[in-house]
PDB file of N, CA and C in Angstrom:
ATOM      1  N   MET A   1      35.021  43.467  29.434  1.00  0.00           N
ATOM      2  CA  MET A   1      34.769  43.308  28.012  1.00  0.00           C
ATOM      3  C   MET A   1      35.033  41.863  27.570  1.00  0.00           C
ATOM      4  N   LYS A   2      36.158  41.288  28.082  1.00  0.00           N
ATOM      5  CA  LYS A   2      36.464  39.928  27.651  1.00  0.00           C
ATOM      6  C   LYS A   2      35.411  38.949  28.156  1.00  0.00           C
ATOM      7  N   TYR A   3      34.776  39.195  29.327  1.00  0.00           N
ATOM      8  CA  TYR A   3      33.720  38.315  29.828  1.00  0.00           C
ATOM      9  C   TYR A   3      32.490  38.352  28.924  1.00  0.00           C
ATOM     10  N   LEU A   4      32.198  39.527  28.409  1.00  0.00           N
ATOM     11  CA  LEU A   4      31.083  39.663  27.489  1.00  0.00           C
ATOM     12  C   LEU A   4      31.347  38.864  26.210  1.00  0.00           C
ATOM     13  N   LEU A   5      32.582  38.935  25.705  1.00  0.00           N
ATOM     14  CA  LEU A   5      32.963  38.204  24.495  1.00  0.00           C
ATOM     15  C   LEU A   5      32.913  36.688  24.735  1.00  0.00           C
ATOM     16  N   VAL A   6      33.410  36.219  25.887  1.00  0.00           N
ATOM     17  CA  VAL A   6      33.395  34.793  26.223  1.00  0.00           C
ATOM     18  C   VAL A   6      31.950  34.316  26.377  1.00  0.00           C
ATOM     19  N   THR A   7      31.106  35.118  27.022  1.00  0.00           N
ATOM     20  CA  THR A   7      29.700  34.752  27.196  1.00  0.00           C
ATOM     21  C   THR A   7      28.989  34.668  25.844  1.00  0.00           C
ATOM     22  N   ALA A   8      29.246  35.637  24.976  1.00  0.00           N
ATOM     23  CA  ALA A   8      28.631  35.632  23.644  1.00  0.00           C
ATOM     24  C   ALA A   8      29.088  34.407  22.850  1.00  0.00           C
ATOM     25  N   LEU A   9      30.370  34.059  22.957  1.00  0.00           N
ATOM     26  CA  LEU A   9      30.901  32.889  22.261  1.00  0.00           C
ATOM     27  C   LEU A   9      30.266  31.608  22.814  1.00  0.00           C
ATOM     28  N   ALA A  10      30.093  31.519  24.138  1.00  0.00           N
ATOM     29  CA  ALA A  10      29.474  30.345  24.763  1.00  0.00           C
ATOM     30  C   ALA A  10      28.019  30.213  24.313  1.00  0.00           C
ATOM     31  N   VAL A  11      27.299  31.320  24.263  1.00  0.00           N
ATOM     32  CA  VAL A  11      25.906  31.282  23.807  1.00  0.00           C
ATOM     33  C   VAL A  11      25.843  30.838  22.347  1.00  0.00           C
ATOM     34  N   LEU A  12      26.738  31.320  21.511  1.00  0.00           N
ATOM     35  CA  LEU A  12      26.777  30.940  20.097  1.00  0.00           C
ATOM     36  C   LEU A  12      27.060  29.444  19.945  1.00  0.00           C
ATOM     37  N   VAL A  13      28.026  28.933  20.705  1.00  0.00           N
ATOM     38  CA  VAL A  13      28.357  27.506  20.636  1.00  0.00           C
ATOM     39  C   VAL A  13      27.171  26.671  21.108  1.00  0.00           C
ATOM     40  N   PHE A  14      26.519  27.068  22.198  1.00  0.00           N
ATOM     41  CA  PHE A  14      25.351  26.349  22.707  1.00  0.00           C
ATOM     42  C   PHE A  14      24.225  26.355  21.674  1.00  0.00           C
ATOM     43  N   TRP A  15      23.998  27.496  21.043  1.00  0.00           N
ATOM     44  CA  TRP A  15      22.929  27.608  20.040  1.00  0.00           C
ATOM     45  C   TRP A  15      23.215  26.695  18.850  1.00  0.00           C
ATOM     46  N   LEU A  16      24.474  26.699  18.368  1.00  0.00           N
ATOM     47  CA  LEU A  16      24.839  25.823  17.231  1.00  0.00           C
ATOM     48  C   LEU A  16      24.681  24.352  17.599  1.00  0.00           C
ATOM     49  N   TRP A  17      25.101  23.978  18.801  1.00  0.00           N
ATOM     50  CA  TRP A  17      24.989  22.589  19.241  1.00  0.00           C
ATOM     51  C   TRP A  17      23.519  22.163  19.299  1.00  0.00           C
ATOM     52  N   ARG A  18      22.674  23.032  19.876  1.00  0.00           N
ATOM     53  CA  ARG A  18      21.252  22.720  19.996  1.00  0.00           C
ATOM     54  C   ARG A  18      20.588  22.661  18.619  1.00  0.00           C
ATOM     55  N   HIS A  19      20.954  23.563  17.732  1.00  0.00           N
ATOM     56  CA  HIS A  19      20.385  23.583  16.382  1.00  0.00           C
ATOM     57  C   HIS A  19      20.739  22.296  15.629  1.00  0.00           C
ATOM     58  N   ASN A  20      21.975  21.838  15.753  1.00  0.00           N
ATOM     59  CA  ASN A  20      22.397  20.603  15.075  1.00  0.00           C
ATOM     60  C   ASN A  20      21.680  19.384  15.648  1.00  0.00           C
ATOM     61  N   ARG A  21      21.478  19.354  16.967  1.00  0.00           N
ATOM     62  CA  ARG A  21      20.749  18.234  17.571  1.00  0.00           C
ATOM     63  C   ARG A  21      19.325  18.185  17.059  1.00  0.00           C
ATOM     64  N   GLN A  22      18.694  19.353  16.932  1.00  0.00           N
ATOM     65  CA  GLN A  22      17.309  19.403  16.429  1.00  0.00           C
ATOM     66  C   GLN A  22      17.253  18.927  14.981  1.00  0.00           C
ATOM     67  N   ALA A  23      18.232  19.322  14.163  1.00  0.00           N
ATOM     68  CA  ALA A  23      18.269  18.897  12.759  1.00  0.00           C
ATOM     69  C   ALA A  23      18.456  17.381  12.664  1.00  0.00           C
ATOM     70  N   GLU A  24      19.312  16.811  13.518  1.00  0.00           N
ATOM     71  CA  GLU A  24      19.515  15.355  13.518  1.00  0.00           C
ATOM     72  C   GLU A  24      18.234  14.632  13.934  1.00  0.00           C
ATOM     73  N   ARG A  25      17.532  15.164  14.920  1.00  0.00           N
ATOM     74  CA  ARG A  25      16.286  14.558  15.387  1.00  0.00           C
ATOM     75  C   ARG A  25      15.229  14.594  14.283  1.00  0.00           C
ATOM     76  N   ASP A  26      15.146  15.714  13.580  1.00  0.00           N
ATOM     77  CA  ASP A  26      14.184  15.815  12.481  1.00  0.00           C
ATOM     78  C   ASP A  26      14.510  14.832  11.366  1.00  0.00           C
ATOM     79  N   ALA A  27      15.811  14.688  11.048  1.00  0.00           N
ATOM     80  CA  ALA A  27      16.219  13.756  10.001  1.00  0.00           C
ATOM     81  C   ALA A  27      15.884  12.316  10.408  1.00  0.00           C
ATOM     82  N   ALA A  28      16.093  11.981  11.669  1.00  0.00           N
ATOM     83  CA  ALA A  28      15.784  10.631  12.147  1.00  0.00           C
ATOM     84  C   ALA A  28      14.285  10.378  12.073  1.00  0.00           C
ATOM     85  N   GLN A  29      13.494  11.380  12.387  1.00  0.00           N
ATOM     86  CA  GLN A  29      12.044  11.217  12.303  1.00  0.00           C
ATOM     87  C   GLN A  29      11.597  10.996  10.867  1.00  0.00           C
ATOM     88  N   ARG A  30      12.205  11.723   9.937  1.00  0.00           N
ATOM     89  CA  ARG A  30      11.842  11.558   8.528  1.00  0.00           C
ATOM     90  C   ARG A  30      12.202  10.168   8.032  1.00  0.00           C
ATOM     91  N   GLU A  31      13.301   9.609   8.514  1.00  0.00           N
ATOM     92  CA  GLU A  31      13.699   8.261   8.094  1.00  0.00           C
ATOM     93  C   GLU A  31      12.730   7.216   8.630  1.00  0.00           C
ATOM     94  N   ASN A  32      12.181   7.439   9.818  1.00  0.00           N
ATOM     95  CA  ASN A  32      11.282   6.464  10.438  1.00  0.00           C
ATOM     96  C   ASN A  32       9.860   6.572   9.942  1.00  0.00           C
ATOM     97  N   MET A  33       9.532   7.640   9.247  1.00  0.00           N
ATOM     98  CA  MET A  33       8.178   7.795   8.733  1.00  0.00           C
ATOM     99  C   MET A  33       7.939   6.799   7.605  1.00  0.00           C
ATOM    100  N   PRO A  34       6.745   6.219   7.545  1.00  0.00           N
ATOM    101  CA  PRO A  34       6.467   5.294   6.439  1.00  0.00           C
ATOM    102  C   PRO A  34       6.483   6.040   5.114  1.00  0.00           C
ATOM    103  N   ARG A  35       7.085   5.415   4.148  1.00  0.00           N
ATOM    104  CA  ARG A  35       7.167   6.036   2.828  1.00  0.00           C
ATOM    105  C   ARG A  35       5.869   5.777   2.076  1.00  0.00           C
ATOM    106  N   PRO A  36       5.435   6.745   1.309  1.00  0.00           N
ATOM    107  CA  PRO A  36       4.199   6.523   0.548  1.00  0.00           C
ATOM    108  C   PRO A  36       4.410   5.433  -0.492  1.00  0.00           C
ATOM    109  N   ARG A  37       3.398   4.617  -0.655  1.00  0.00           N
ATOM    110  CA  ARG A  37       3.478   3.560  -1.657  1.00  0.00           C
ATOM    111  C   ARG A  37       3.374   4.165  -3.041  1.00  0.00           C
ATOM    112  N   PRO A  38       4.044   3.553  -4.000  1.00  0.00           N
ATOM    113  CA  PRO A  38       3.859   4.036  -5.370  1.00  0.00           C
ATOM    114  C   PRO A  38       2.418   3.812  -5.799  1.00  0.00           C
ATOM    115  N   ALA A  39       1.953   4.658  -6.646  1.00  0.00           N
ATOM    116  CA  ALA A  39       0.560   4.562  -7.092  1.00  0.00           C
ATOM    117  C   ALA A  39       0.329   3.200  -7.750  1.00  0.00           C
ATOM    118  N   ALA A  40      -0.738   2.566  -7.349  1.00  0.00           N
ATOM    119  CA  ALA A  40      -1.064   1.252  -7.904  1.00  0.00           C
ATOM    120  C   ALA A  40      -1.504   1.408  -9.355  1.00  0.00           C
ATOM    121  N   LYS A  41      -1.173   0.416 -10.132  1.00  0.00           N
ATOM    122  CA  LYS A  41      -1.647   0.422 -11.511  1.00  0.00           C
ATOM    123  C   LYS A  41      -3.162   0.385 -11.474  1.00  0.00           C
ATOM    124  N   SER A  42      -3.756   0.982 -12.447  1.00  0.00           N
ATOM    125  CA  SER A  42      -5.218   1.041 -12.419  1.00  0.00           C
ATOM    126  C   SER A  42      -5.771  -0.379 -12.489  1.00  0.00           C
ATOM    127  N   LEU A  43      -6.527  -0.708 -11.474  1.00  0.00           N
ATOM    128  CA  LEU A  43      -7.117  -2.043 -11.402  1.00  0.00           C
ATOM    129  C   LEU A  43      -8.538  -1.974 -11.930  1.00  0.00           C
ATOM    130  N   GLN A  44      -8.847  -2.930 -12.759  1.00  0.00           N
ATOM    131  CA  GLN A  44     -10.189  -2.972 -13.315  1.00  0.00           C
ATOM    132  C   GLN A  44     -10.981  -4.019 -12.545  1.00  0.00           C
ATOM    133  N   ALA A  45     -12.202  -3.697 -12.259  1.00  0.00           N
ATOM    134  CA  ALA A  45     -13.060  -4.638 -11.556  1.00  0.00           C
ATOM    135  C   ALA A  45     -13.431  -5.780 -12.501  1.00  0.00           C
ATOM    136  N   THR A  46     -13.468  -6.976 -11.964  1.00  0.00           N
ATOM    137  CA  THR A  46     -13.886  -8.124 -12.772  1.00  0.00           C
ATOM    138  C   THR A  46     -15.243  -8.591 -12.268  1.00  0.00           C
ATOM    139  N   GLU A  47     -16.062  -9.010 -13.169  1.00  0.00           N
ATOM    140  CA  GLU A  47     -17.386  -9.495 -12.796  1.00  0.00           C
ATOM    141  C   GLU A  47     -17.257 -10.912 -12.255  1.00  0.00           C
ATOM    142  N   VAL A  48     -17.884 -11.163 -11.132  1.00  0.00           N
ATOM    143  CA  VAL A  48     -17.843 -12.472 -10.498  1.00  0.00           C
ATOM    144  C   VAL A  48     -19.206 -13.131 -10.695  1.00  0.00           C
ATOM    145  N   VAL A  49     -19.165 -14.393 -11.132  1.00  0.00           N
ATOM    146  CA  VAL A  49     -20.400 -15.150 -11.357  1.00  0.00           C
ATOM    147  C   VAL A  49     -20.348 -16.427 -10.530  1.00  0.00           C
ATOM    148  N   ALA A  50     -21.508 -17.051 -10.351  1.00  0.00           N
ATOM    149  CA  ALA A  50     -21.592 -18.305  -9.603  1.00  0.00           C
ATOM    150  C   ALA A  50     -21.859 -19.450 -10.571  1.00  0.00           C
ATOM    151  N   CYS A  51     -21.242 -20.590 -10.285  1.00  0.00           N
ATOM    152  CA  CYS A  51     -21.489 -21.798 -11.068  1.00  0.00           C
ATOM    153  C   CYS A  51     -22.944 -22.193 -10.843  1.00  0.00           C
ATOM    154  N   ASP A  52     -23.653 -22.537 -11.918  1.00  0.00           N
ATOM    155  CA  ASP A  52     -25.065 -22.894 -11.800  1.00  0.00           C
ATOM    156  C   ASP A  52     -25.263 -24.263 -11.125  1.00  0.00           C
ATOM    157  N   LEU A  53     -24.208 -25.051 -11.014  1.00  0.00           N
ATOM    158  CA  LEU A  53     -24.341 -26.364 -10.390  1.00  0.00           C
ATOM    159  C   LEU A  53     -23.904 -26.345  -8.924  1.00  0.00           C
ATOM    160  N   CYS A  54     -22.700 -25.881  -8.654  1.00  0.00           N
ATOM    161  CA  CYS A  54     -22.185 -25.942  -7.278  1.00  0.00           C
ATOM    162  C   CYS A  54     -22.170 -24.577  -6.582  1.00  0.00           C
ATOM    163  N   GLU A  55     -22.509 -23.531  -7.303  1.00  0.00           N
ATOM    164  CA  GLU A  55     -22.586 -22.161  -6.789  1.00  0.00           C
ATOM    165  C   GLU A  55     -21.259 -21.604  -6.295  1.00  0.00           C
ATOM    166  N   VAL A  56     -20.154 -22.125  -6.802  1.00  0.00           N
ATOM    167  CA  VAL A  56     -18.838 -21.559  -6.504  1.00  0.00           C
ATOM    168  C   VAL A  56     -18.701 -20.262  -7.291  1.00  0.00           C
ATOM    169  N   HIS A  57     -18.181 -19.229  -6.646  1.00  0.00           N
ATOM    170  CA  HIS A  57     -17.990 -17.949  -7.324  1.00  0.00           C
ATOM    171  C   HIS A  57     -16.630 -17.910  -8.009  1.00  0.00           C
ATOM    172  N   LEU A  58     -16.617 -17.394  -9.224  1.00  0.00           N
ATOM    173  CA  LEU A  58     -15.382 -17.285  -9.989  1.00  0.00           C
ATOM    174  C   LEU A  58     -15.506 -16.121 -10.970  1.00  0.00           C
ATOM    175  N   PRO A  59     -14.360 -15.615 -11.460  1.00  0.00           N
ATOM    176  CA  PRO A  59     -14.423 -14.519 -12.430  1.00  0.00           C
ATOM    177  C   PRO A  59     -15.105 -14.979 -13.714  1.00  0.00           C
ATOM    178  N   ARG A  60     -15.837 -14.089 -14.326  1.00  0.00           N
ATOM    179  CA  ARG A  60     -16.565 -14.422 -15.556  1.00  0.00           C
ATOM    180  C   ARG A  60     -15.610 -14.901 -16.644  1.00  0.00           C
ATOM    181  N   SER A  61     -14.389 -14.358 -16.661  1.00  0.00           N
ATOM    182  CA  SER A  61     -13.432 -14.736 -17.701  1.00  0.00           C
ATOM    183  C   SER A  61     -12.993 -16.200 -17.568  1.00  0.00           C
ATOM    184  N   GLU A  62     -13.126 -16.802 -16.370  1.00  0.00           N
ATOM    185  CA  GLU A  62     -12.730 -18.193 -16.169  1.00  0.00           C
ATOM    186  C   GLU A  62     -13.917 -19.157 -16.231  1.00  0.00           C
ATOM    187  N   ALA A  63     -15.114 -18.640 -16.313  1.00  0.00           N
ATOM    188  CA  ALA A  63     -16.306 -19.489 -16.319  1.00  0.00           C
ATOM    189  C   ALA A  63     -16.487 -20.168 -17.676  1.00  0.00           C
ATOM    190  N   VAL A  64     -17.036 -21.381 -17.638  1.00  0.00           N
ATOM    191  CA  VAL A  64     -17.357 -22.133 -18.845  1.00  0.00           C
ATOM    192  C   VAL A  64     -18.822 -21.854 -19.165  1.00  0.00           C
ATOM    193  N   THR A  65     -19.074 -21.402 -20.377  1.00  0.00           N
ATOM    194  CA  THR A  65     -20.433 -21.043 -20.772  1.00  0.00           C
ATOM    195  C   THR A  65     -21.140 -22.242 -21.383  1.00  0.00           C
ATOM    196  N   GLY A  66     -22.357 -22.471 -20.905  1.00  0.00           N
ATOM    197  CA  GLY A  66     -23.191 -23.536 -21.452  1.00  0.00           C
ATOM    198  C   GLY A  66     -24.518 -22.939 -21.903  1.00  0.00           C
ATOM    199  N   ARG A  67     -25.387 -23.789 -22.467  1.00  0.00           N
ATOM    200  CA  ARG A  67     -26.695 -23.282 -22.929  1.00  0.00           C
ATOM    201  C   ARG A  67     -27.575 -22.870 -21.762  1.00  0.00           C
ATOM    202  N   LYS A  68     -27.430 -23.539 -20.618  1.00  0.00           N
ATOM    203  CA  LYS A  68     -28.288 -23.261 -19.466  1.00  0.00           C
ATOM    204  C   LYS A  68     -27.657 -22.297 -18.460  1.00  0.00           C
ATOM    205  N   GLY A  69     -26.416 -21.924 -18.657  1.00  0.00           N
ATOM    206  CA  GLY A  69     -25.792 -20.992 -17.713  1.00  0.00           C
ATOM    207  C   GLY A  69     -24.275 -21.056 -17.725  1.00  0.00           C
ATOM    208  N   LEU A  70     -23.710 -20.593 -16.633  1.00  0.00           N
ATOM    209  CA  LEU A  70     -22.261 -20.553 -16.481  1.00  0.00           C
ATOM    210  C   LEU A  70     -21.826 -21.592 -15.453  1.00  0.00           C
ATOM    211  N   TYR A  71     -20.667 -22.222 -15.715  1.00  0.00           N
ATOM    212  CA  TYR A  71     -20.182 -23.287 -14.853  1.00  0.00           C
ATOM    213  C   TYR A  71     -18.708 -23.055 -14.521  1.00  0.00           C
ATOM    214  N   CYS A  72     -18.276 -23.674 -13.408  1.00  0.00           N
ATOM    215  CA  CYS A  72     -16.888 -23.494 -12.987  1.00  0.00           C
ATOM    216  C   CYS A  72     -15.936 -24.414 -13.750  1.00  0.00           C
ATOM    217  N   SER A  73     -16.443 -25.478 -14.352  1.00  0.00           N
ATOM    218  CA  SER A  73     -15.584 -26.399 -15.104  1.00  0.00           C
ATOM    219  C   SER A  73     -16.393 -27.070 -16.207  1.00  0.00           C
ATOM    220  N   GLU A  74     -15.688 -27.683 -17.106  1.00  0.00           N
ATOM    221  CA  GLU A  74     -16.327 -28.410 -18.207  1.00  0.00           C
ATOM    222  C   GLU A  74     -17.097 -29.618 -17.652  1.00  0.00           C
ATOM    223  N   ALA A  75     -16.579 -30.229 -16.598  1.00  0.00           N
ATOM    224  CA  ALA A  75     -17.250 -31.379 -16.000  1.00  0.00           C
ATOM    225  C   ALA A  75     -18.613 -30.983 -15.428  1.00  0.00           C
ATOM    226  N   HIS A  76     -18.696 -29.832 -14.794  1.00  0.00           N
ATOM    227  CA  HIS A  76     -19.986 -29.386 -14.253  1.00  0.00           C
ATOM    228  C   HIS A  76     -20.948 -29.006 -15.360  1.00  0.00           C
ATOM    229  N   ARG A  77     -20.429 -28.510 -16.452  1.00  0.00           N
ATOM    230  CA  ARG A  77     -21.316 -28.190 -17.592  1.00  0.00           C
ATOM    231  C   ARG A  77     -21.941 -29.466 -18.126  1.00  0.00           C
ATOM    232  N   ARG A  78     -21.107 -30.504 -18.277  1.00  0.00           N
ATOM    233  CA  ARG A  78     -21.612 -31.806 -18.754  1.00  0.00           C
ATOM    234  C   ARG A  78     -22.561 -32.435 -17.744  1.00  0.00           C
ATOM    235  N   GLN A  79     -22.233 -32.338 -16.469  1.00  0.00           N
ATOM    236  CA  GLN A  79     -23.052 -32.928 -15.412  1.00  0.00           C
ATOM    237  C   GLN A  79     -24.437 -32.271 -15.350  1.00  0.00           C
ATOM    238  N   ALA A  80     -24.517 -31.012 -15.677  1.00  0.00           N
ATOM    239  CA  ALA A  80     -25.794 -30.308 -15.663  1.00  0.00           C
ATOM    240  C   ALA A  80     -26.634 -30.665 -16.882  1.00  0.00           C
ATOM    241  N   GLY A  81     -26.073 -31.426 -17.808  1.00  0.00           N
ATOM    242  CA  GLY A  81     -26.815 -31.832 -19.002  1.00  0.00           C
ATOM    243  C   GLY A  81     -26.834 -30.737 -20.048  1.00  0.00           C
ATOM    244  N   ASP A  82     -25.886 -29.900 -19.997  1.00  0.00           N
ATOM    245  CA  ASP A  82     -25.813 -28.770 -20.927  1.00  0.00           C
ATOM    246  C   ASP A  82     -25.038 -29.134 -22.161  1.00  0.00           C
TER     247      ASP A  82
END
């Protein structure tokens, strides 16, 4: 009878030890997993235009408007005779 009790106790200790090792392994895996990035703020698309003189692309909000078109700088607007 005492051998049965000792065997049952040994099996219980082995099971608890193995269960704890598995839990530690799972926790370590969760720590190593890449964390999801926070949701990006809603980005709005900007319209890109080309300078009518040098054809450099730039956002429409930064372009200089002339009578003949859009330019990347005031100097190019003047140079185009606008």
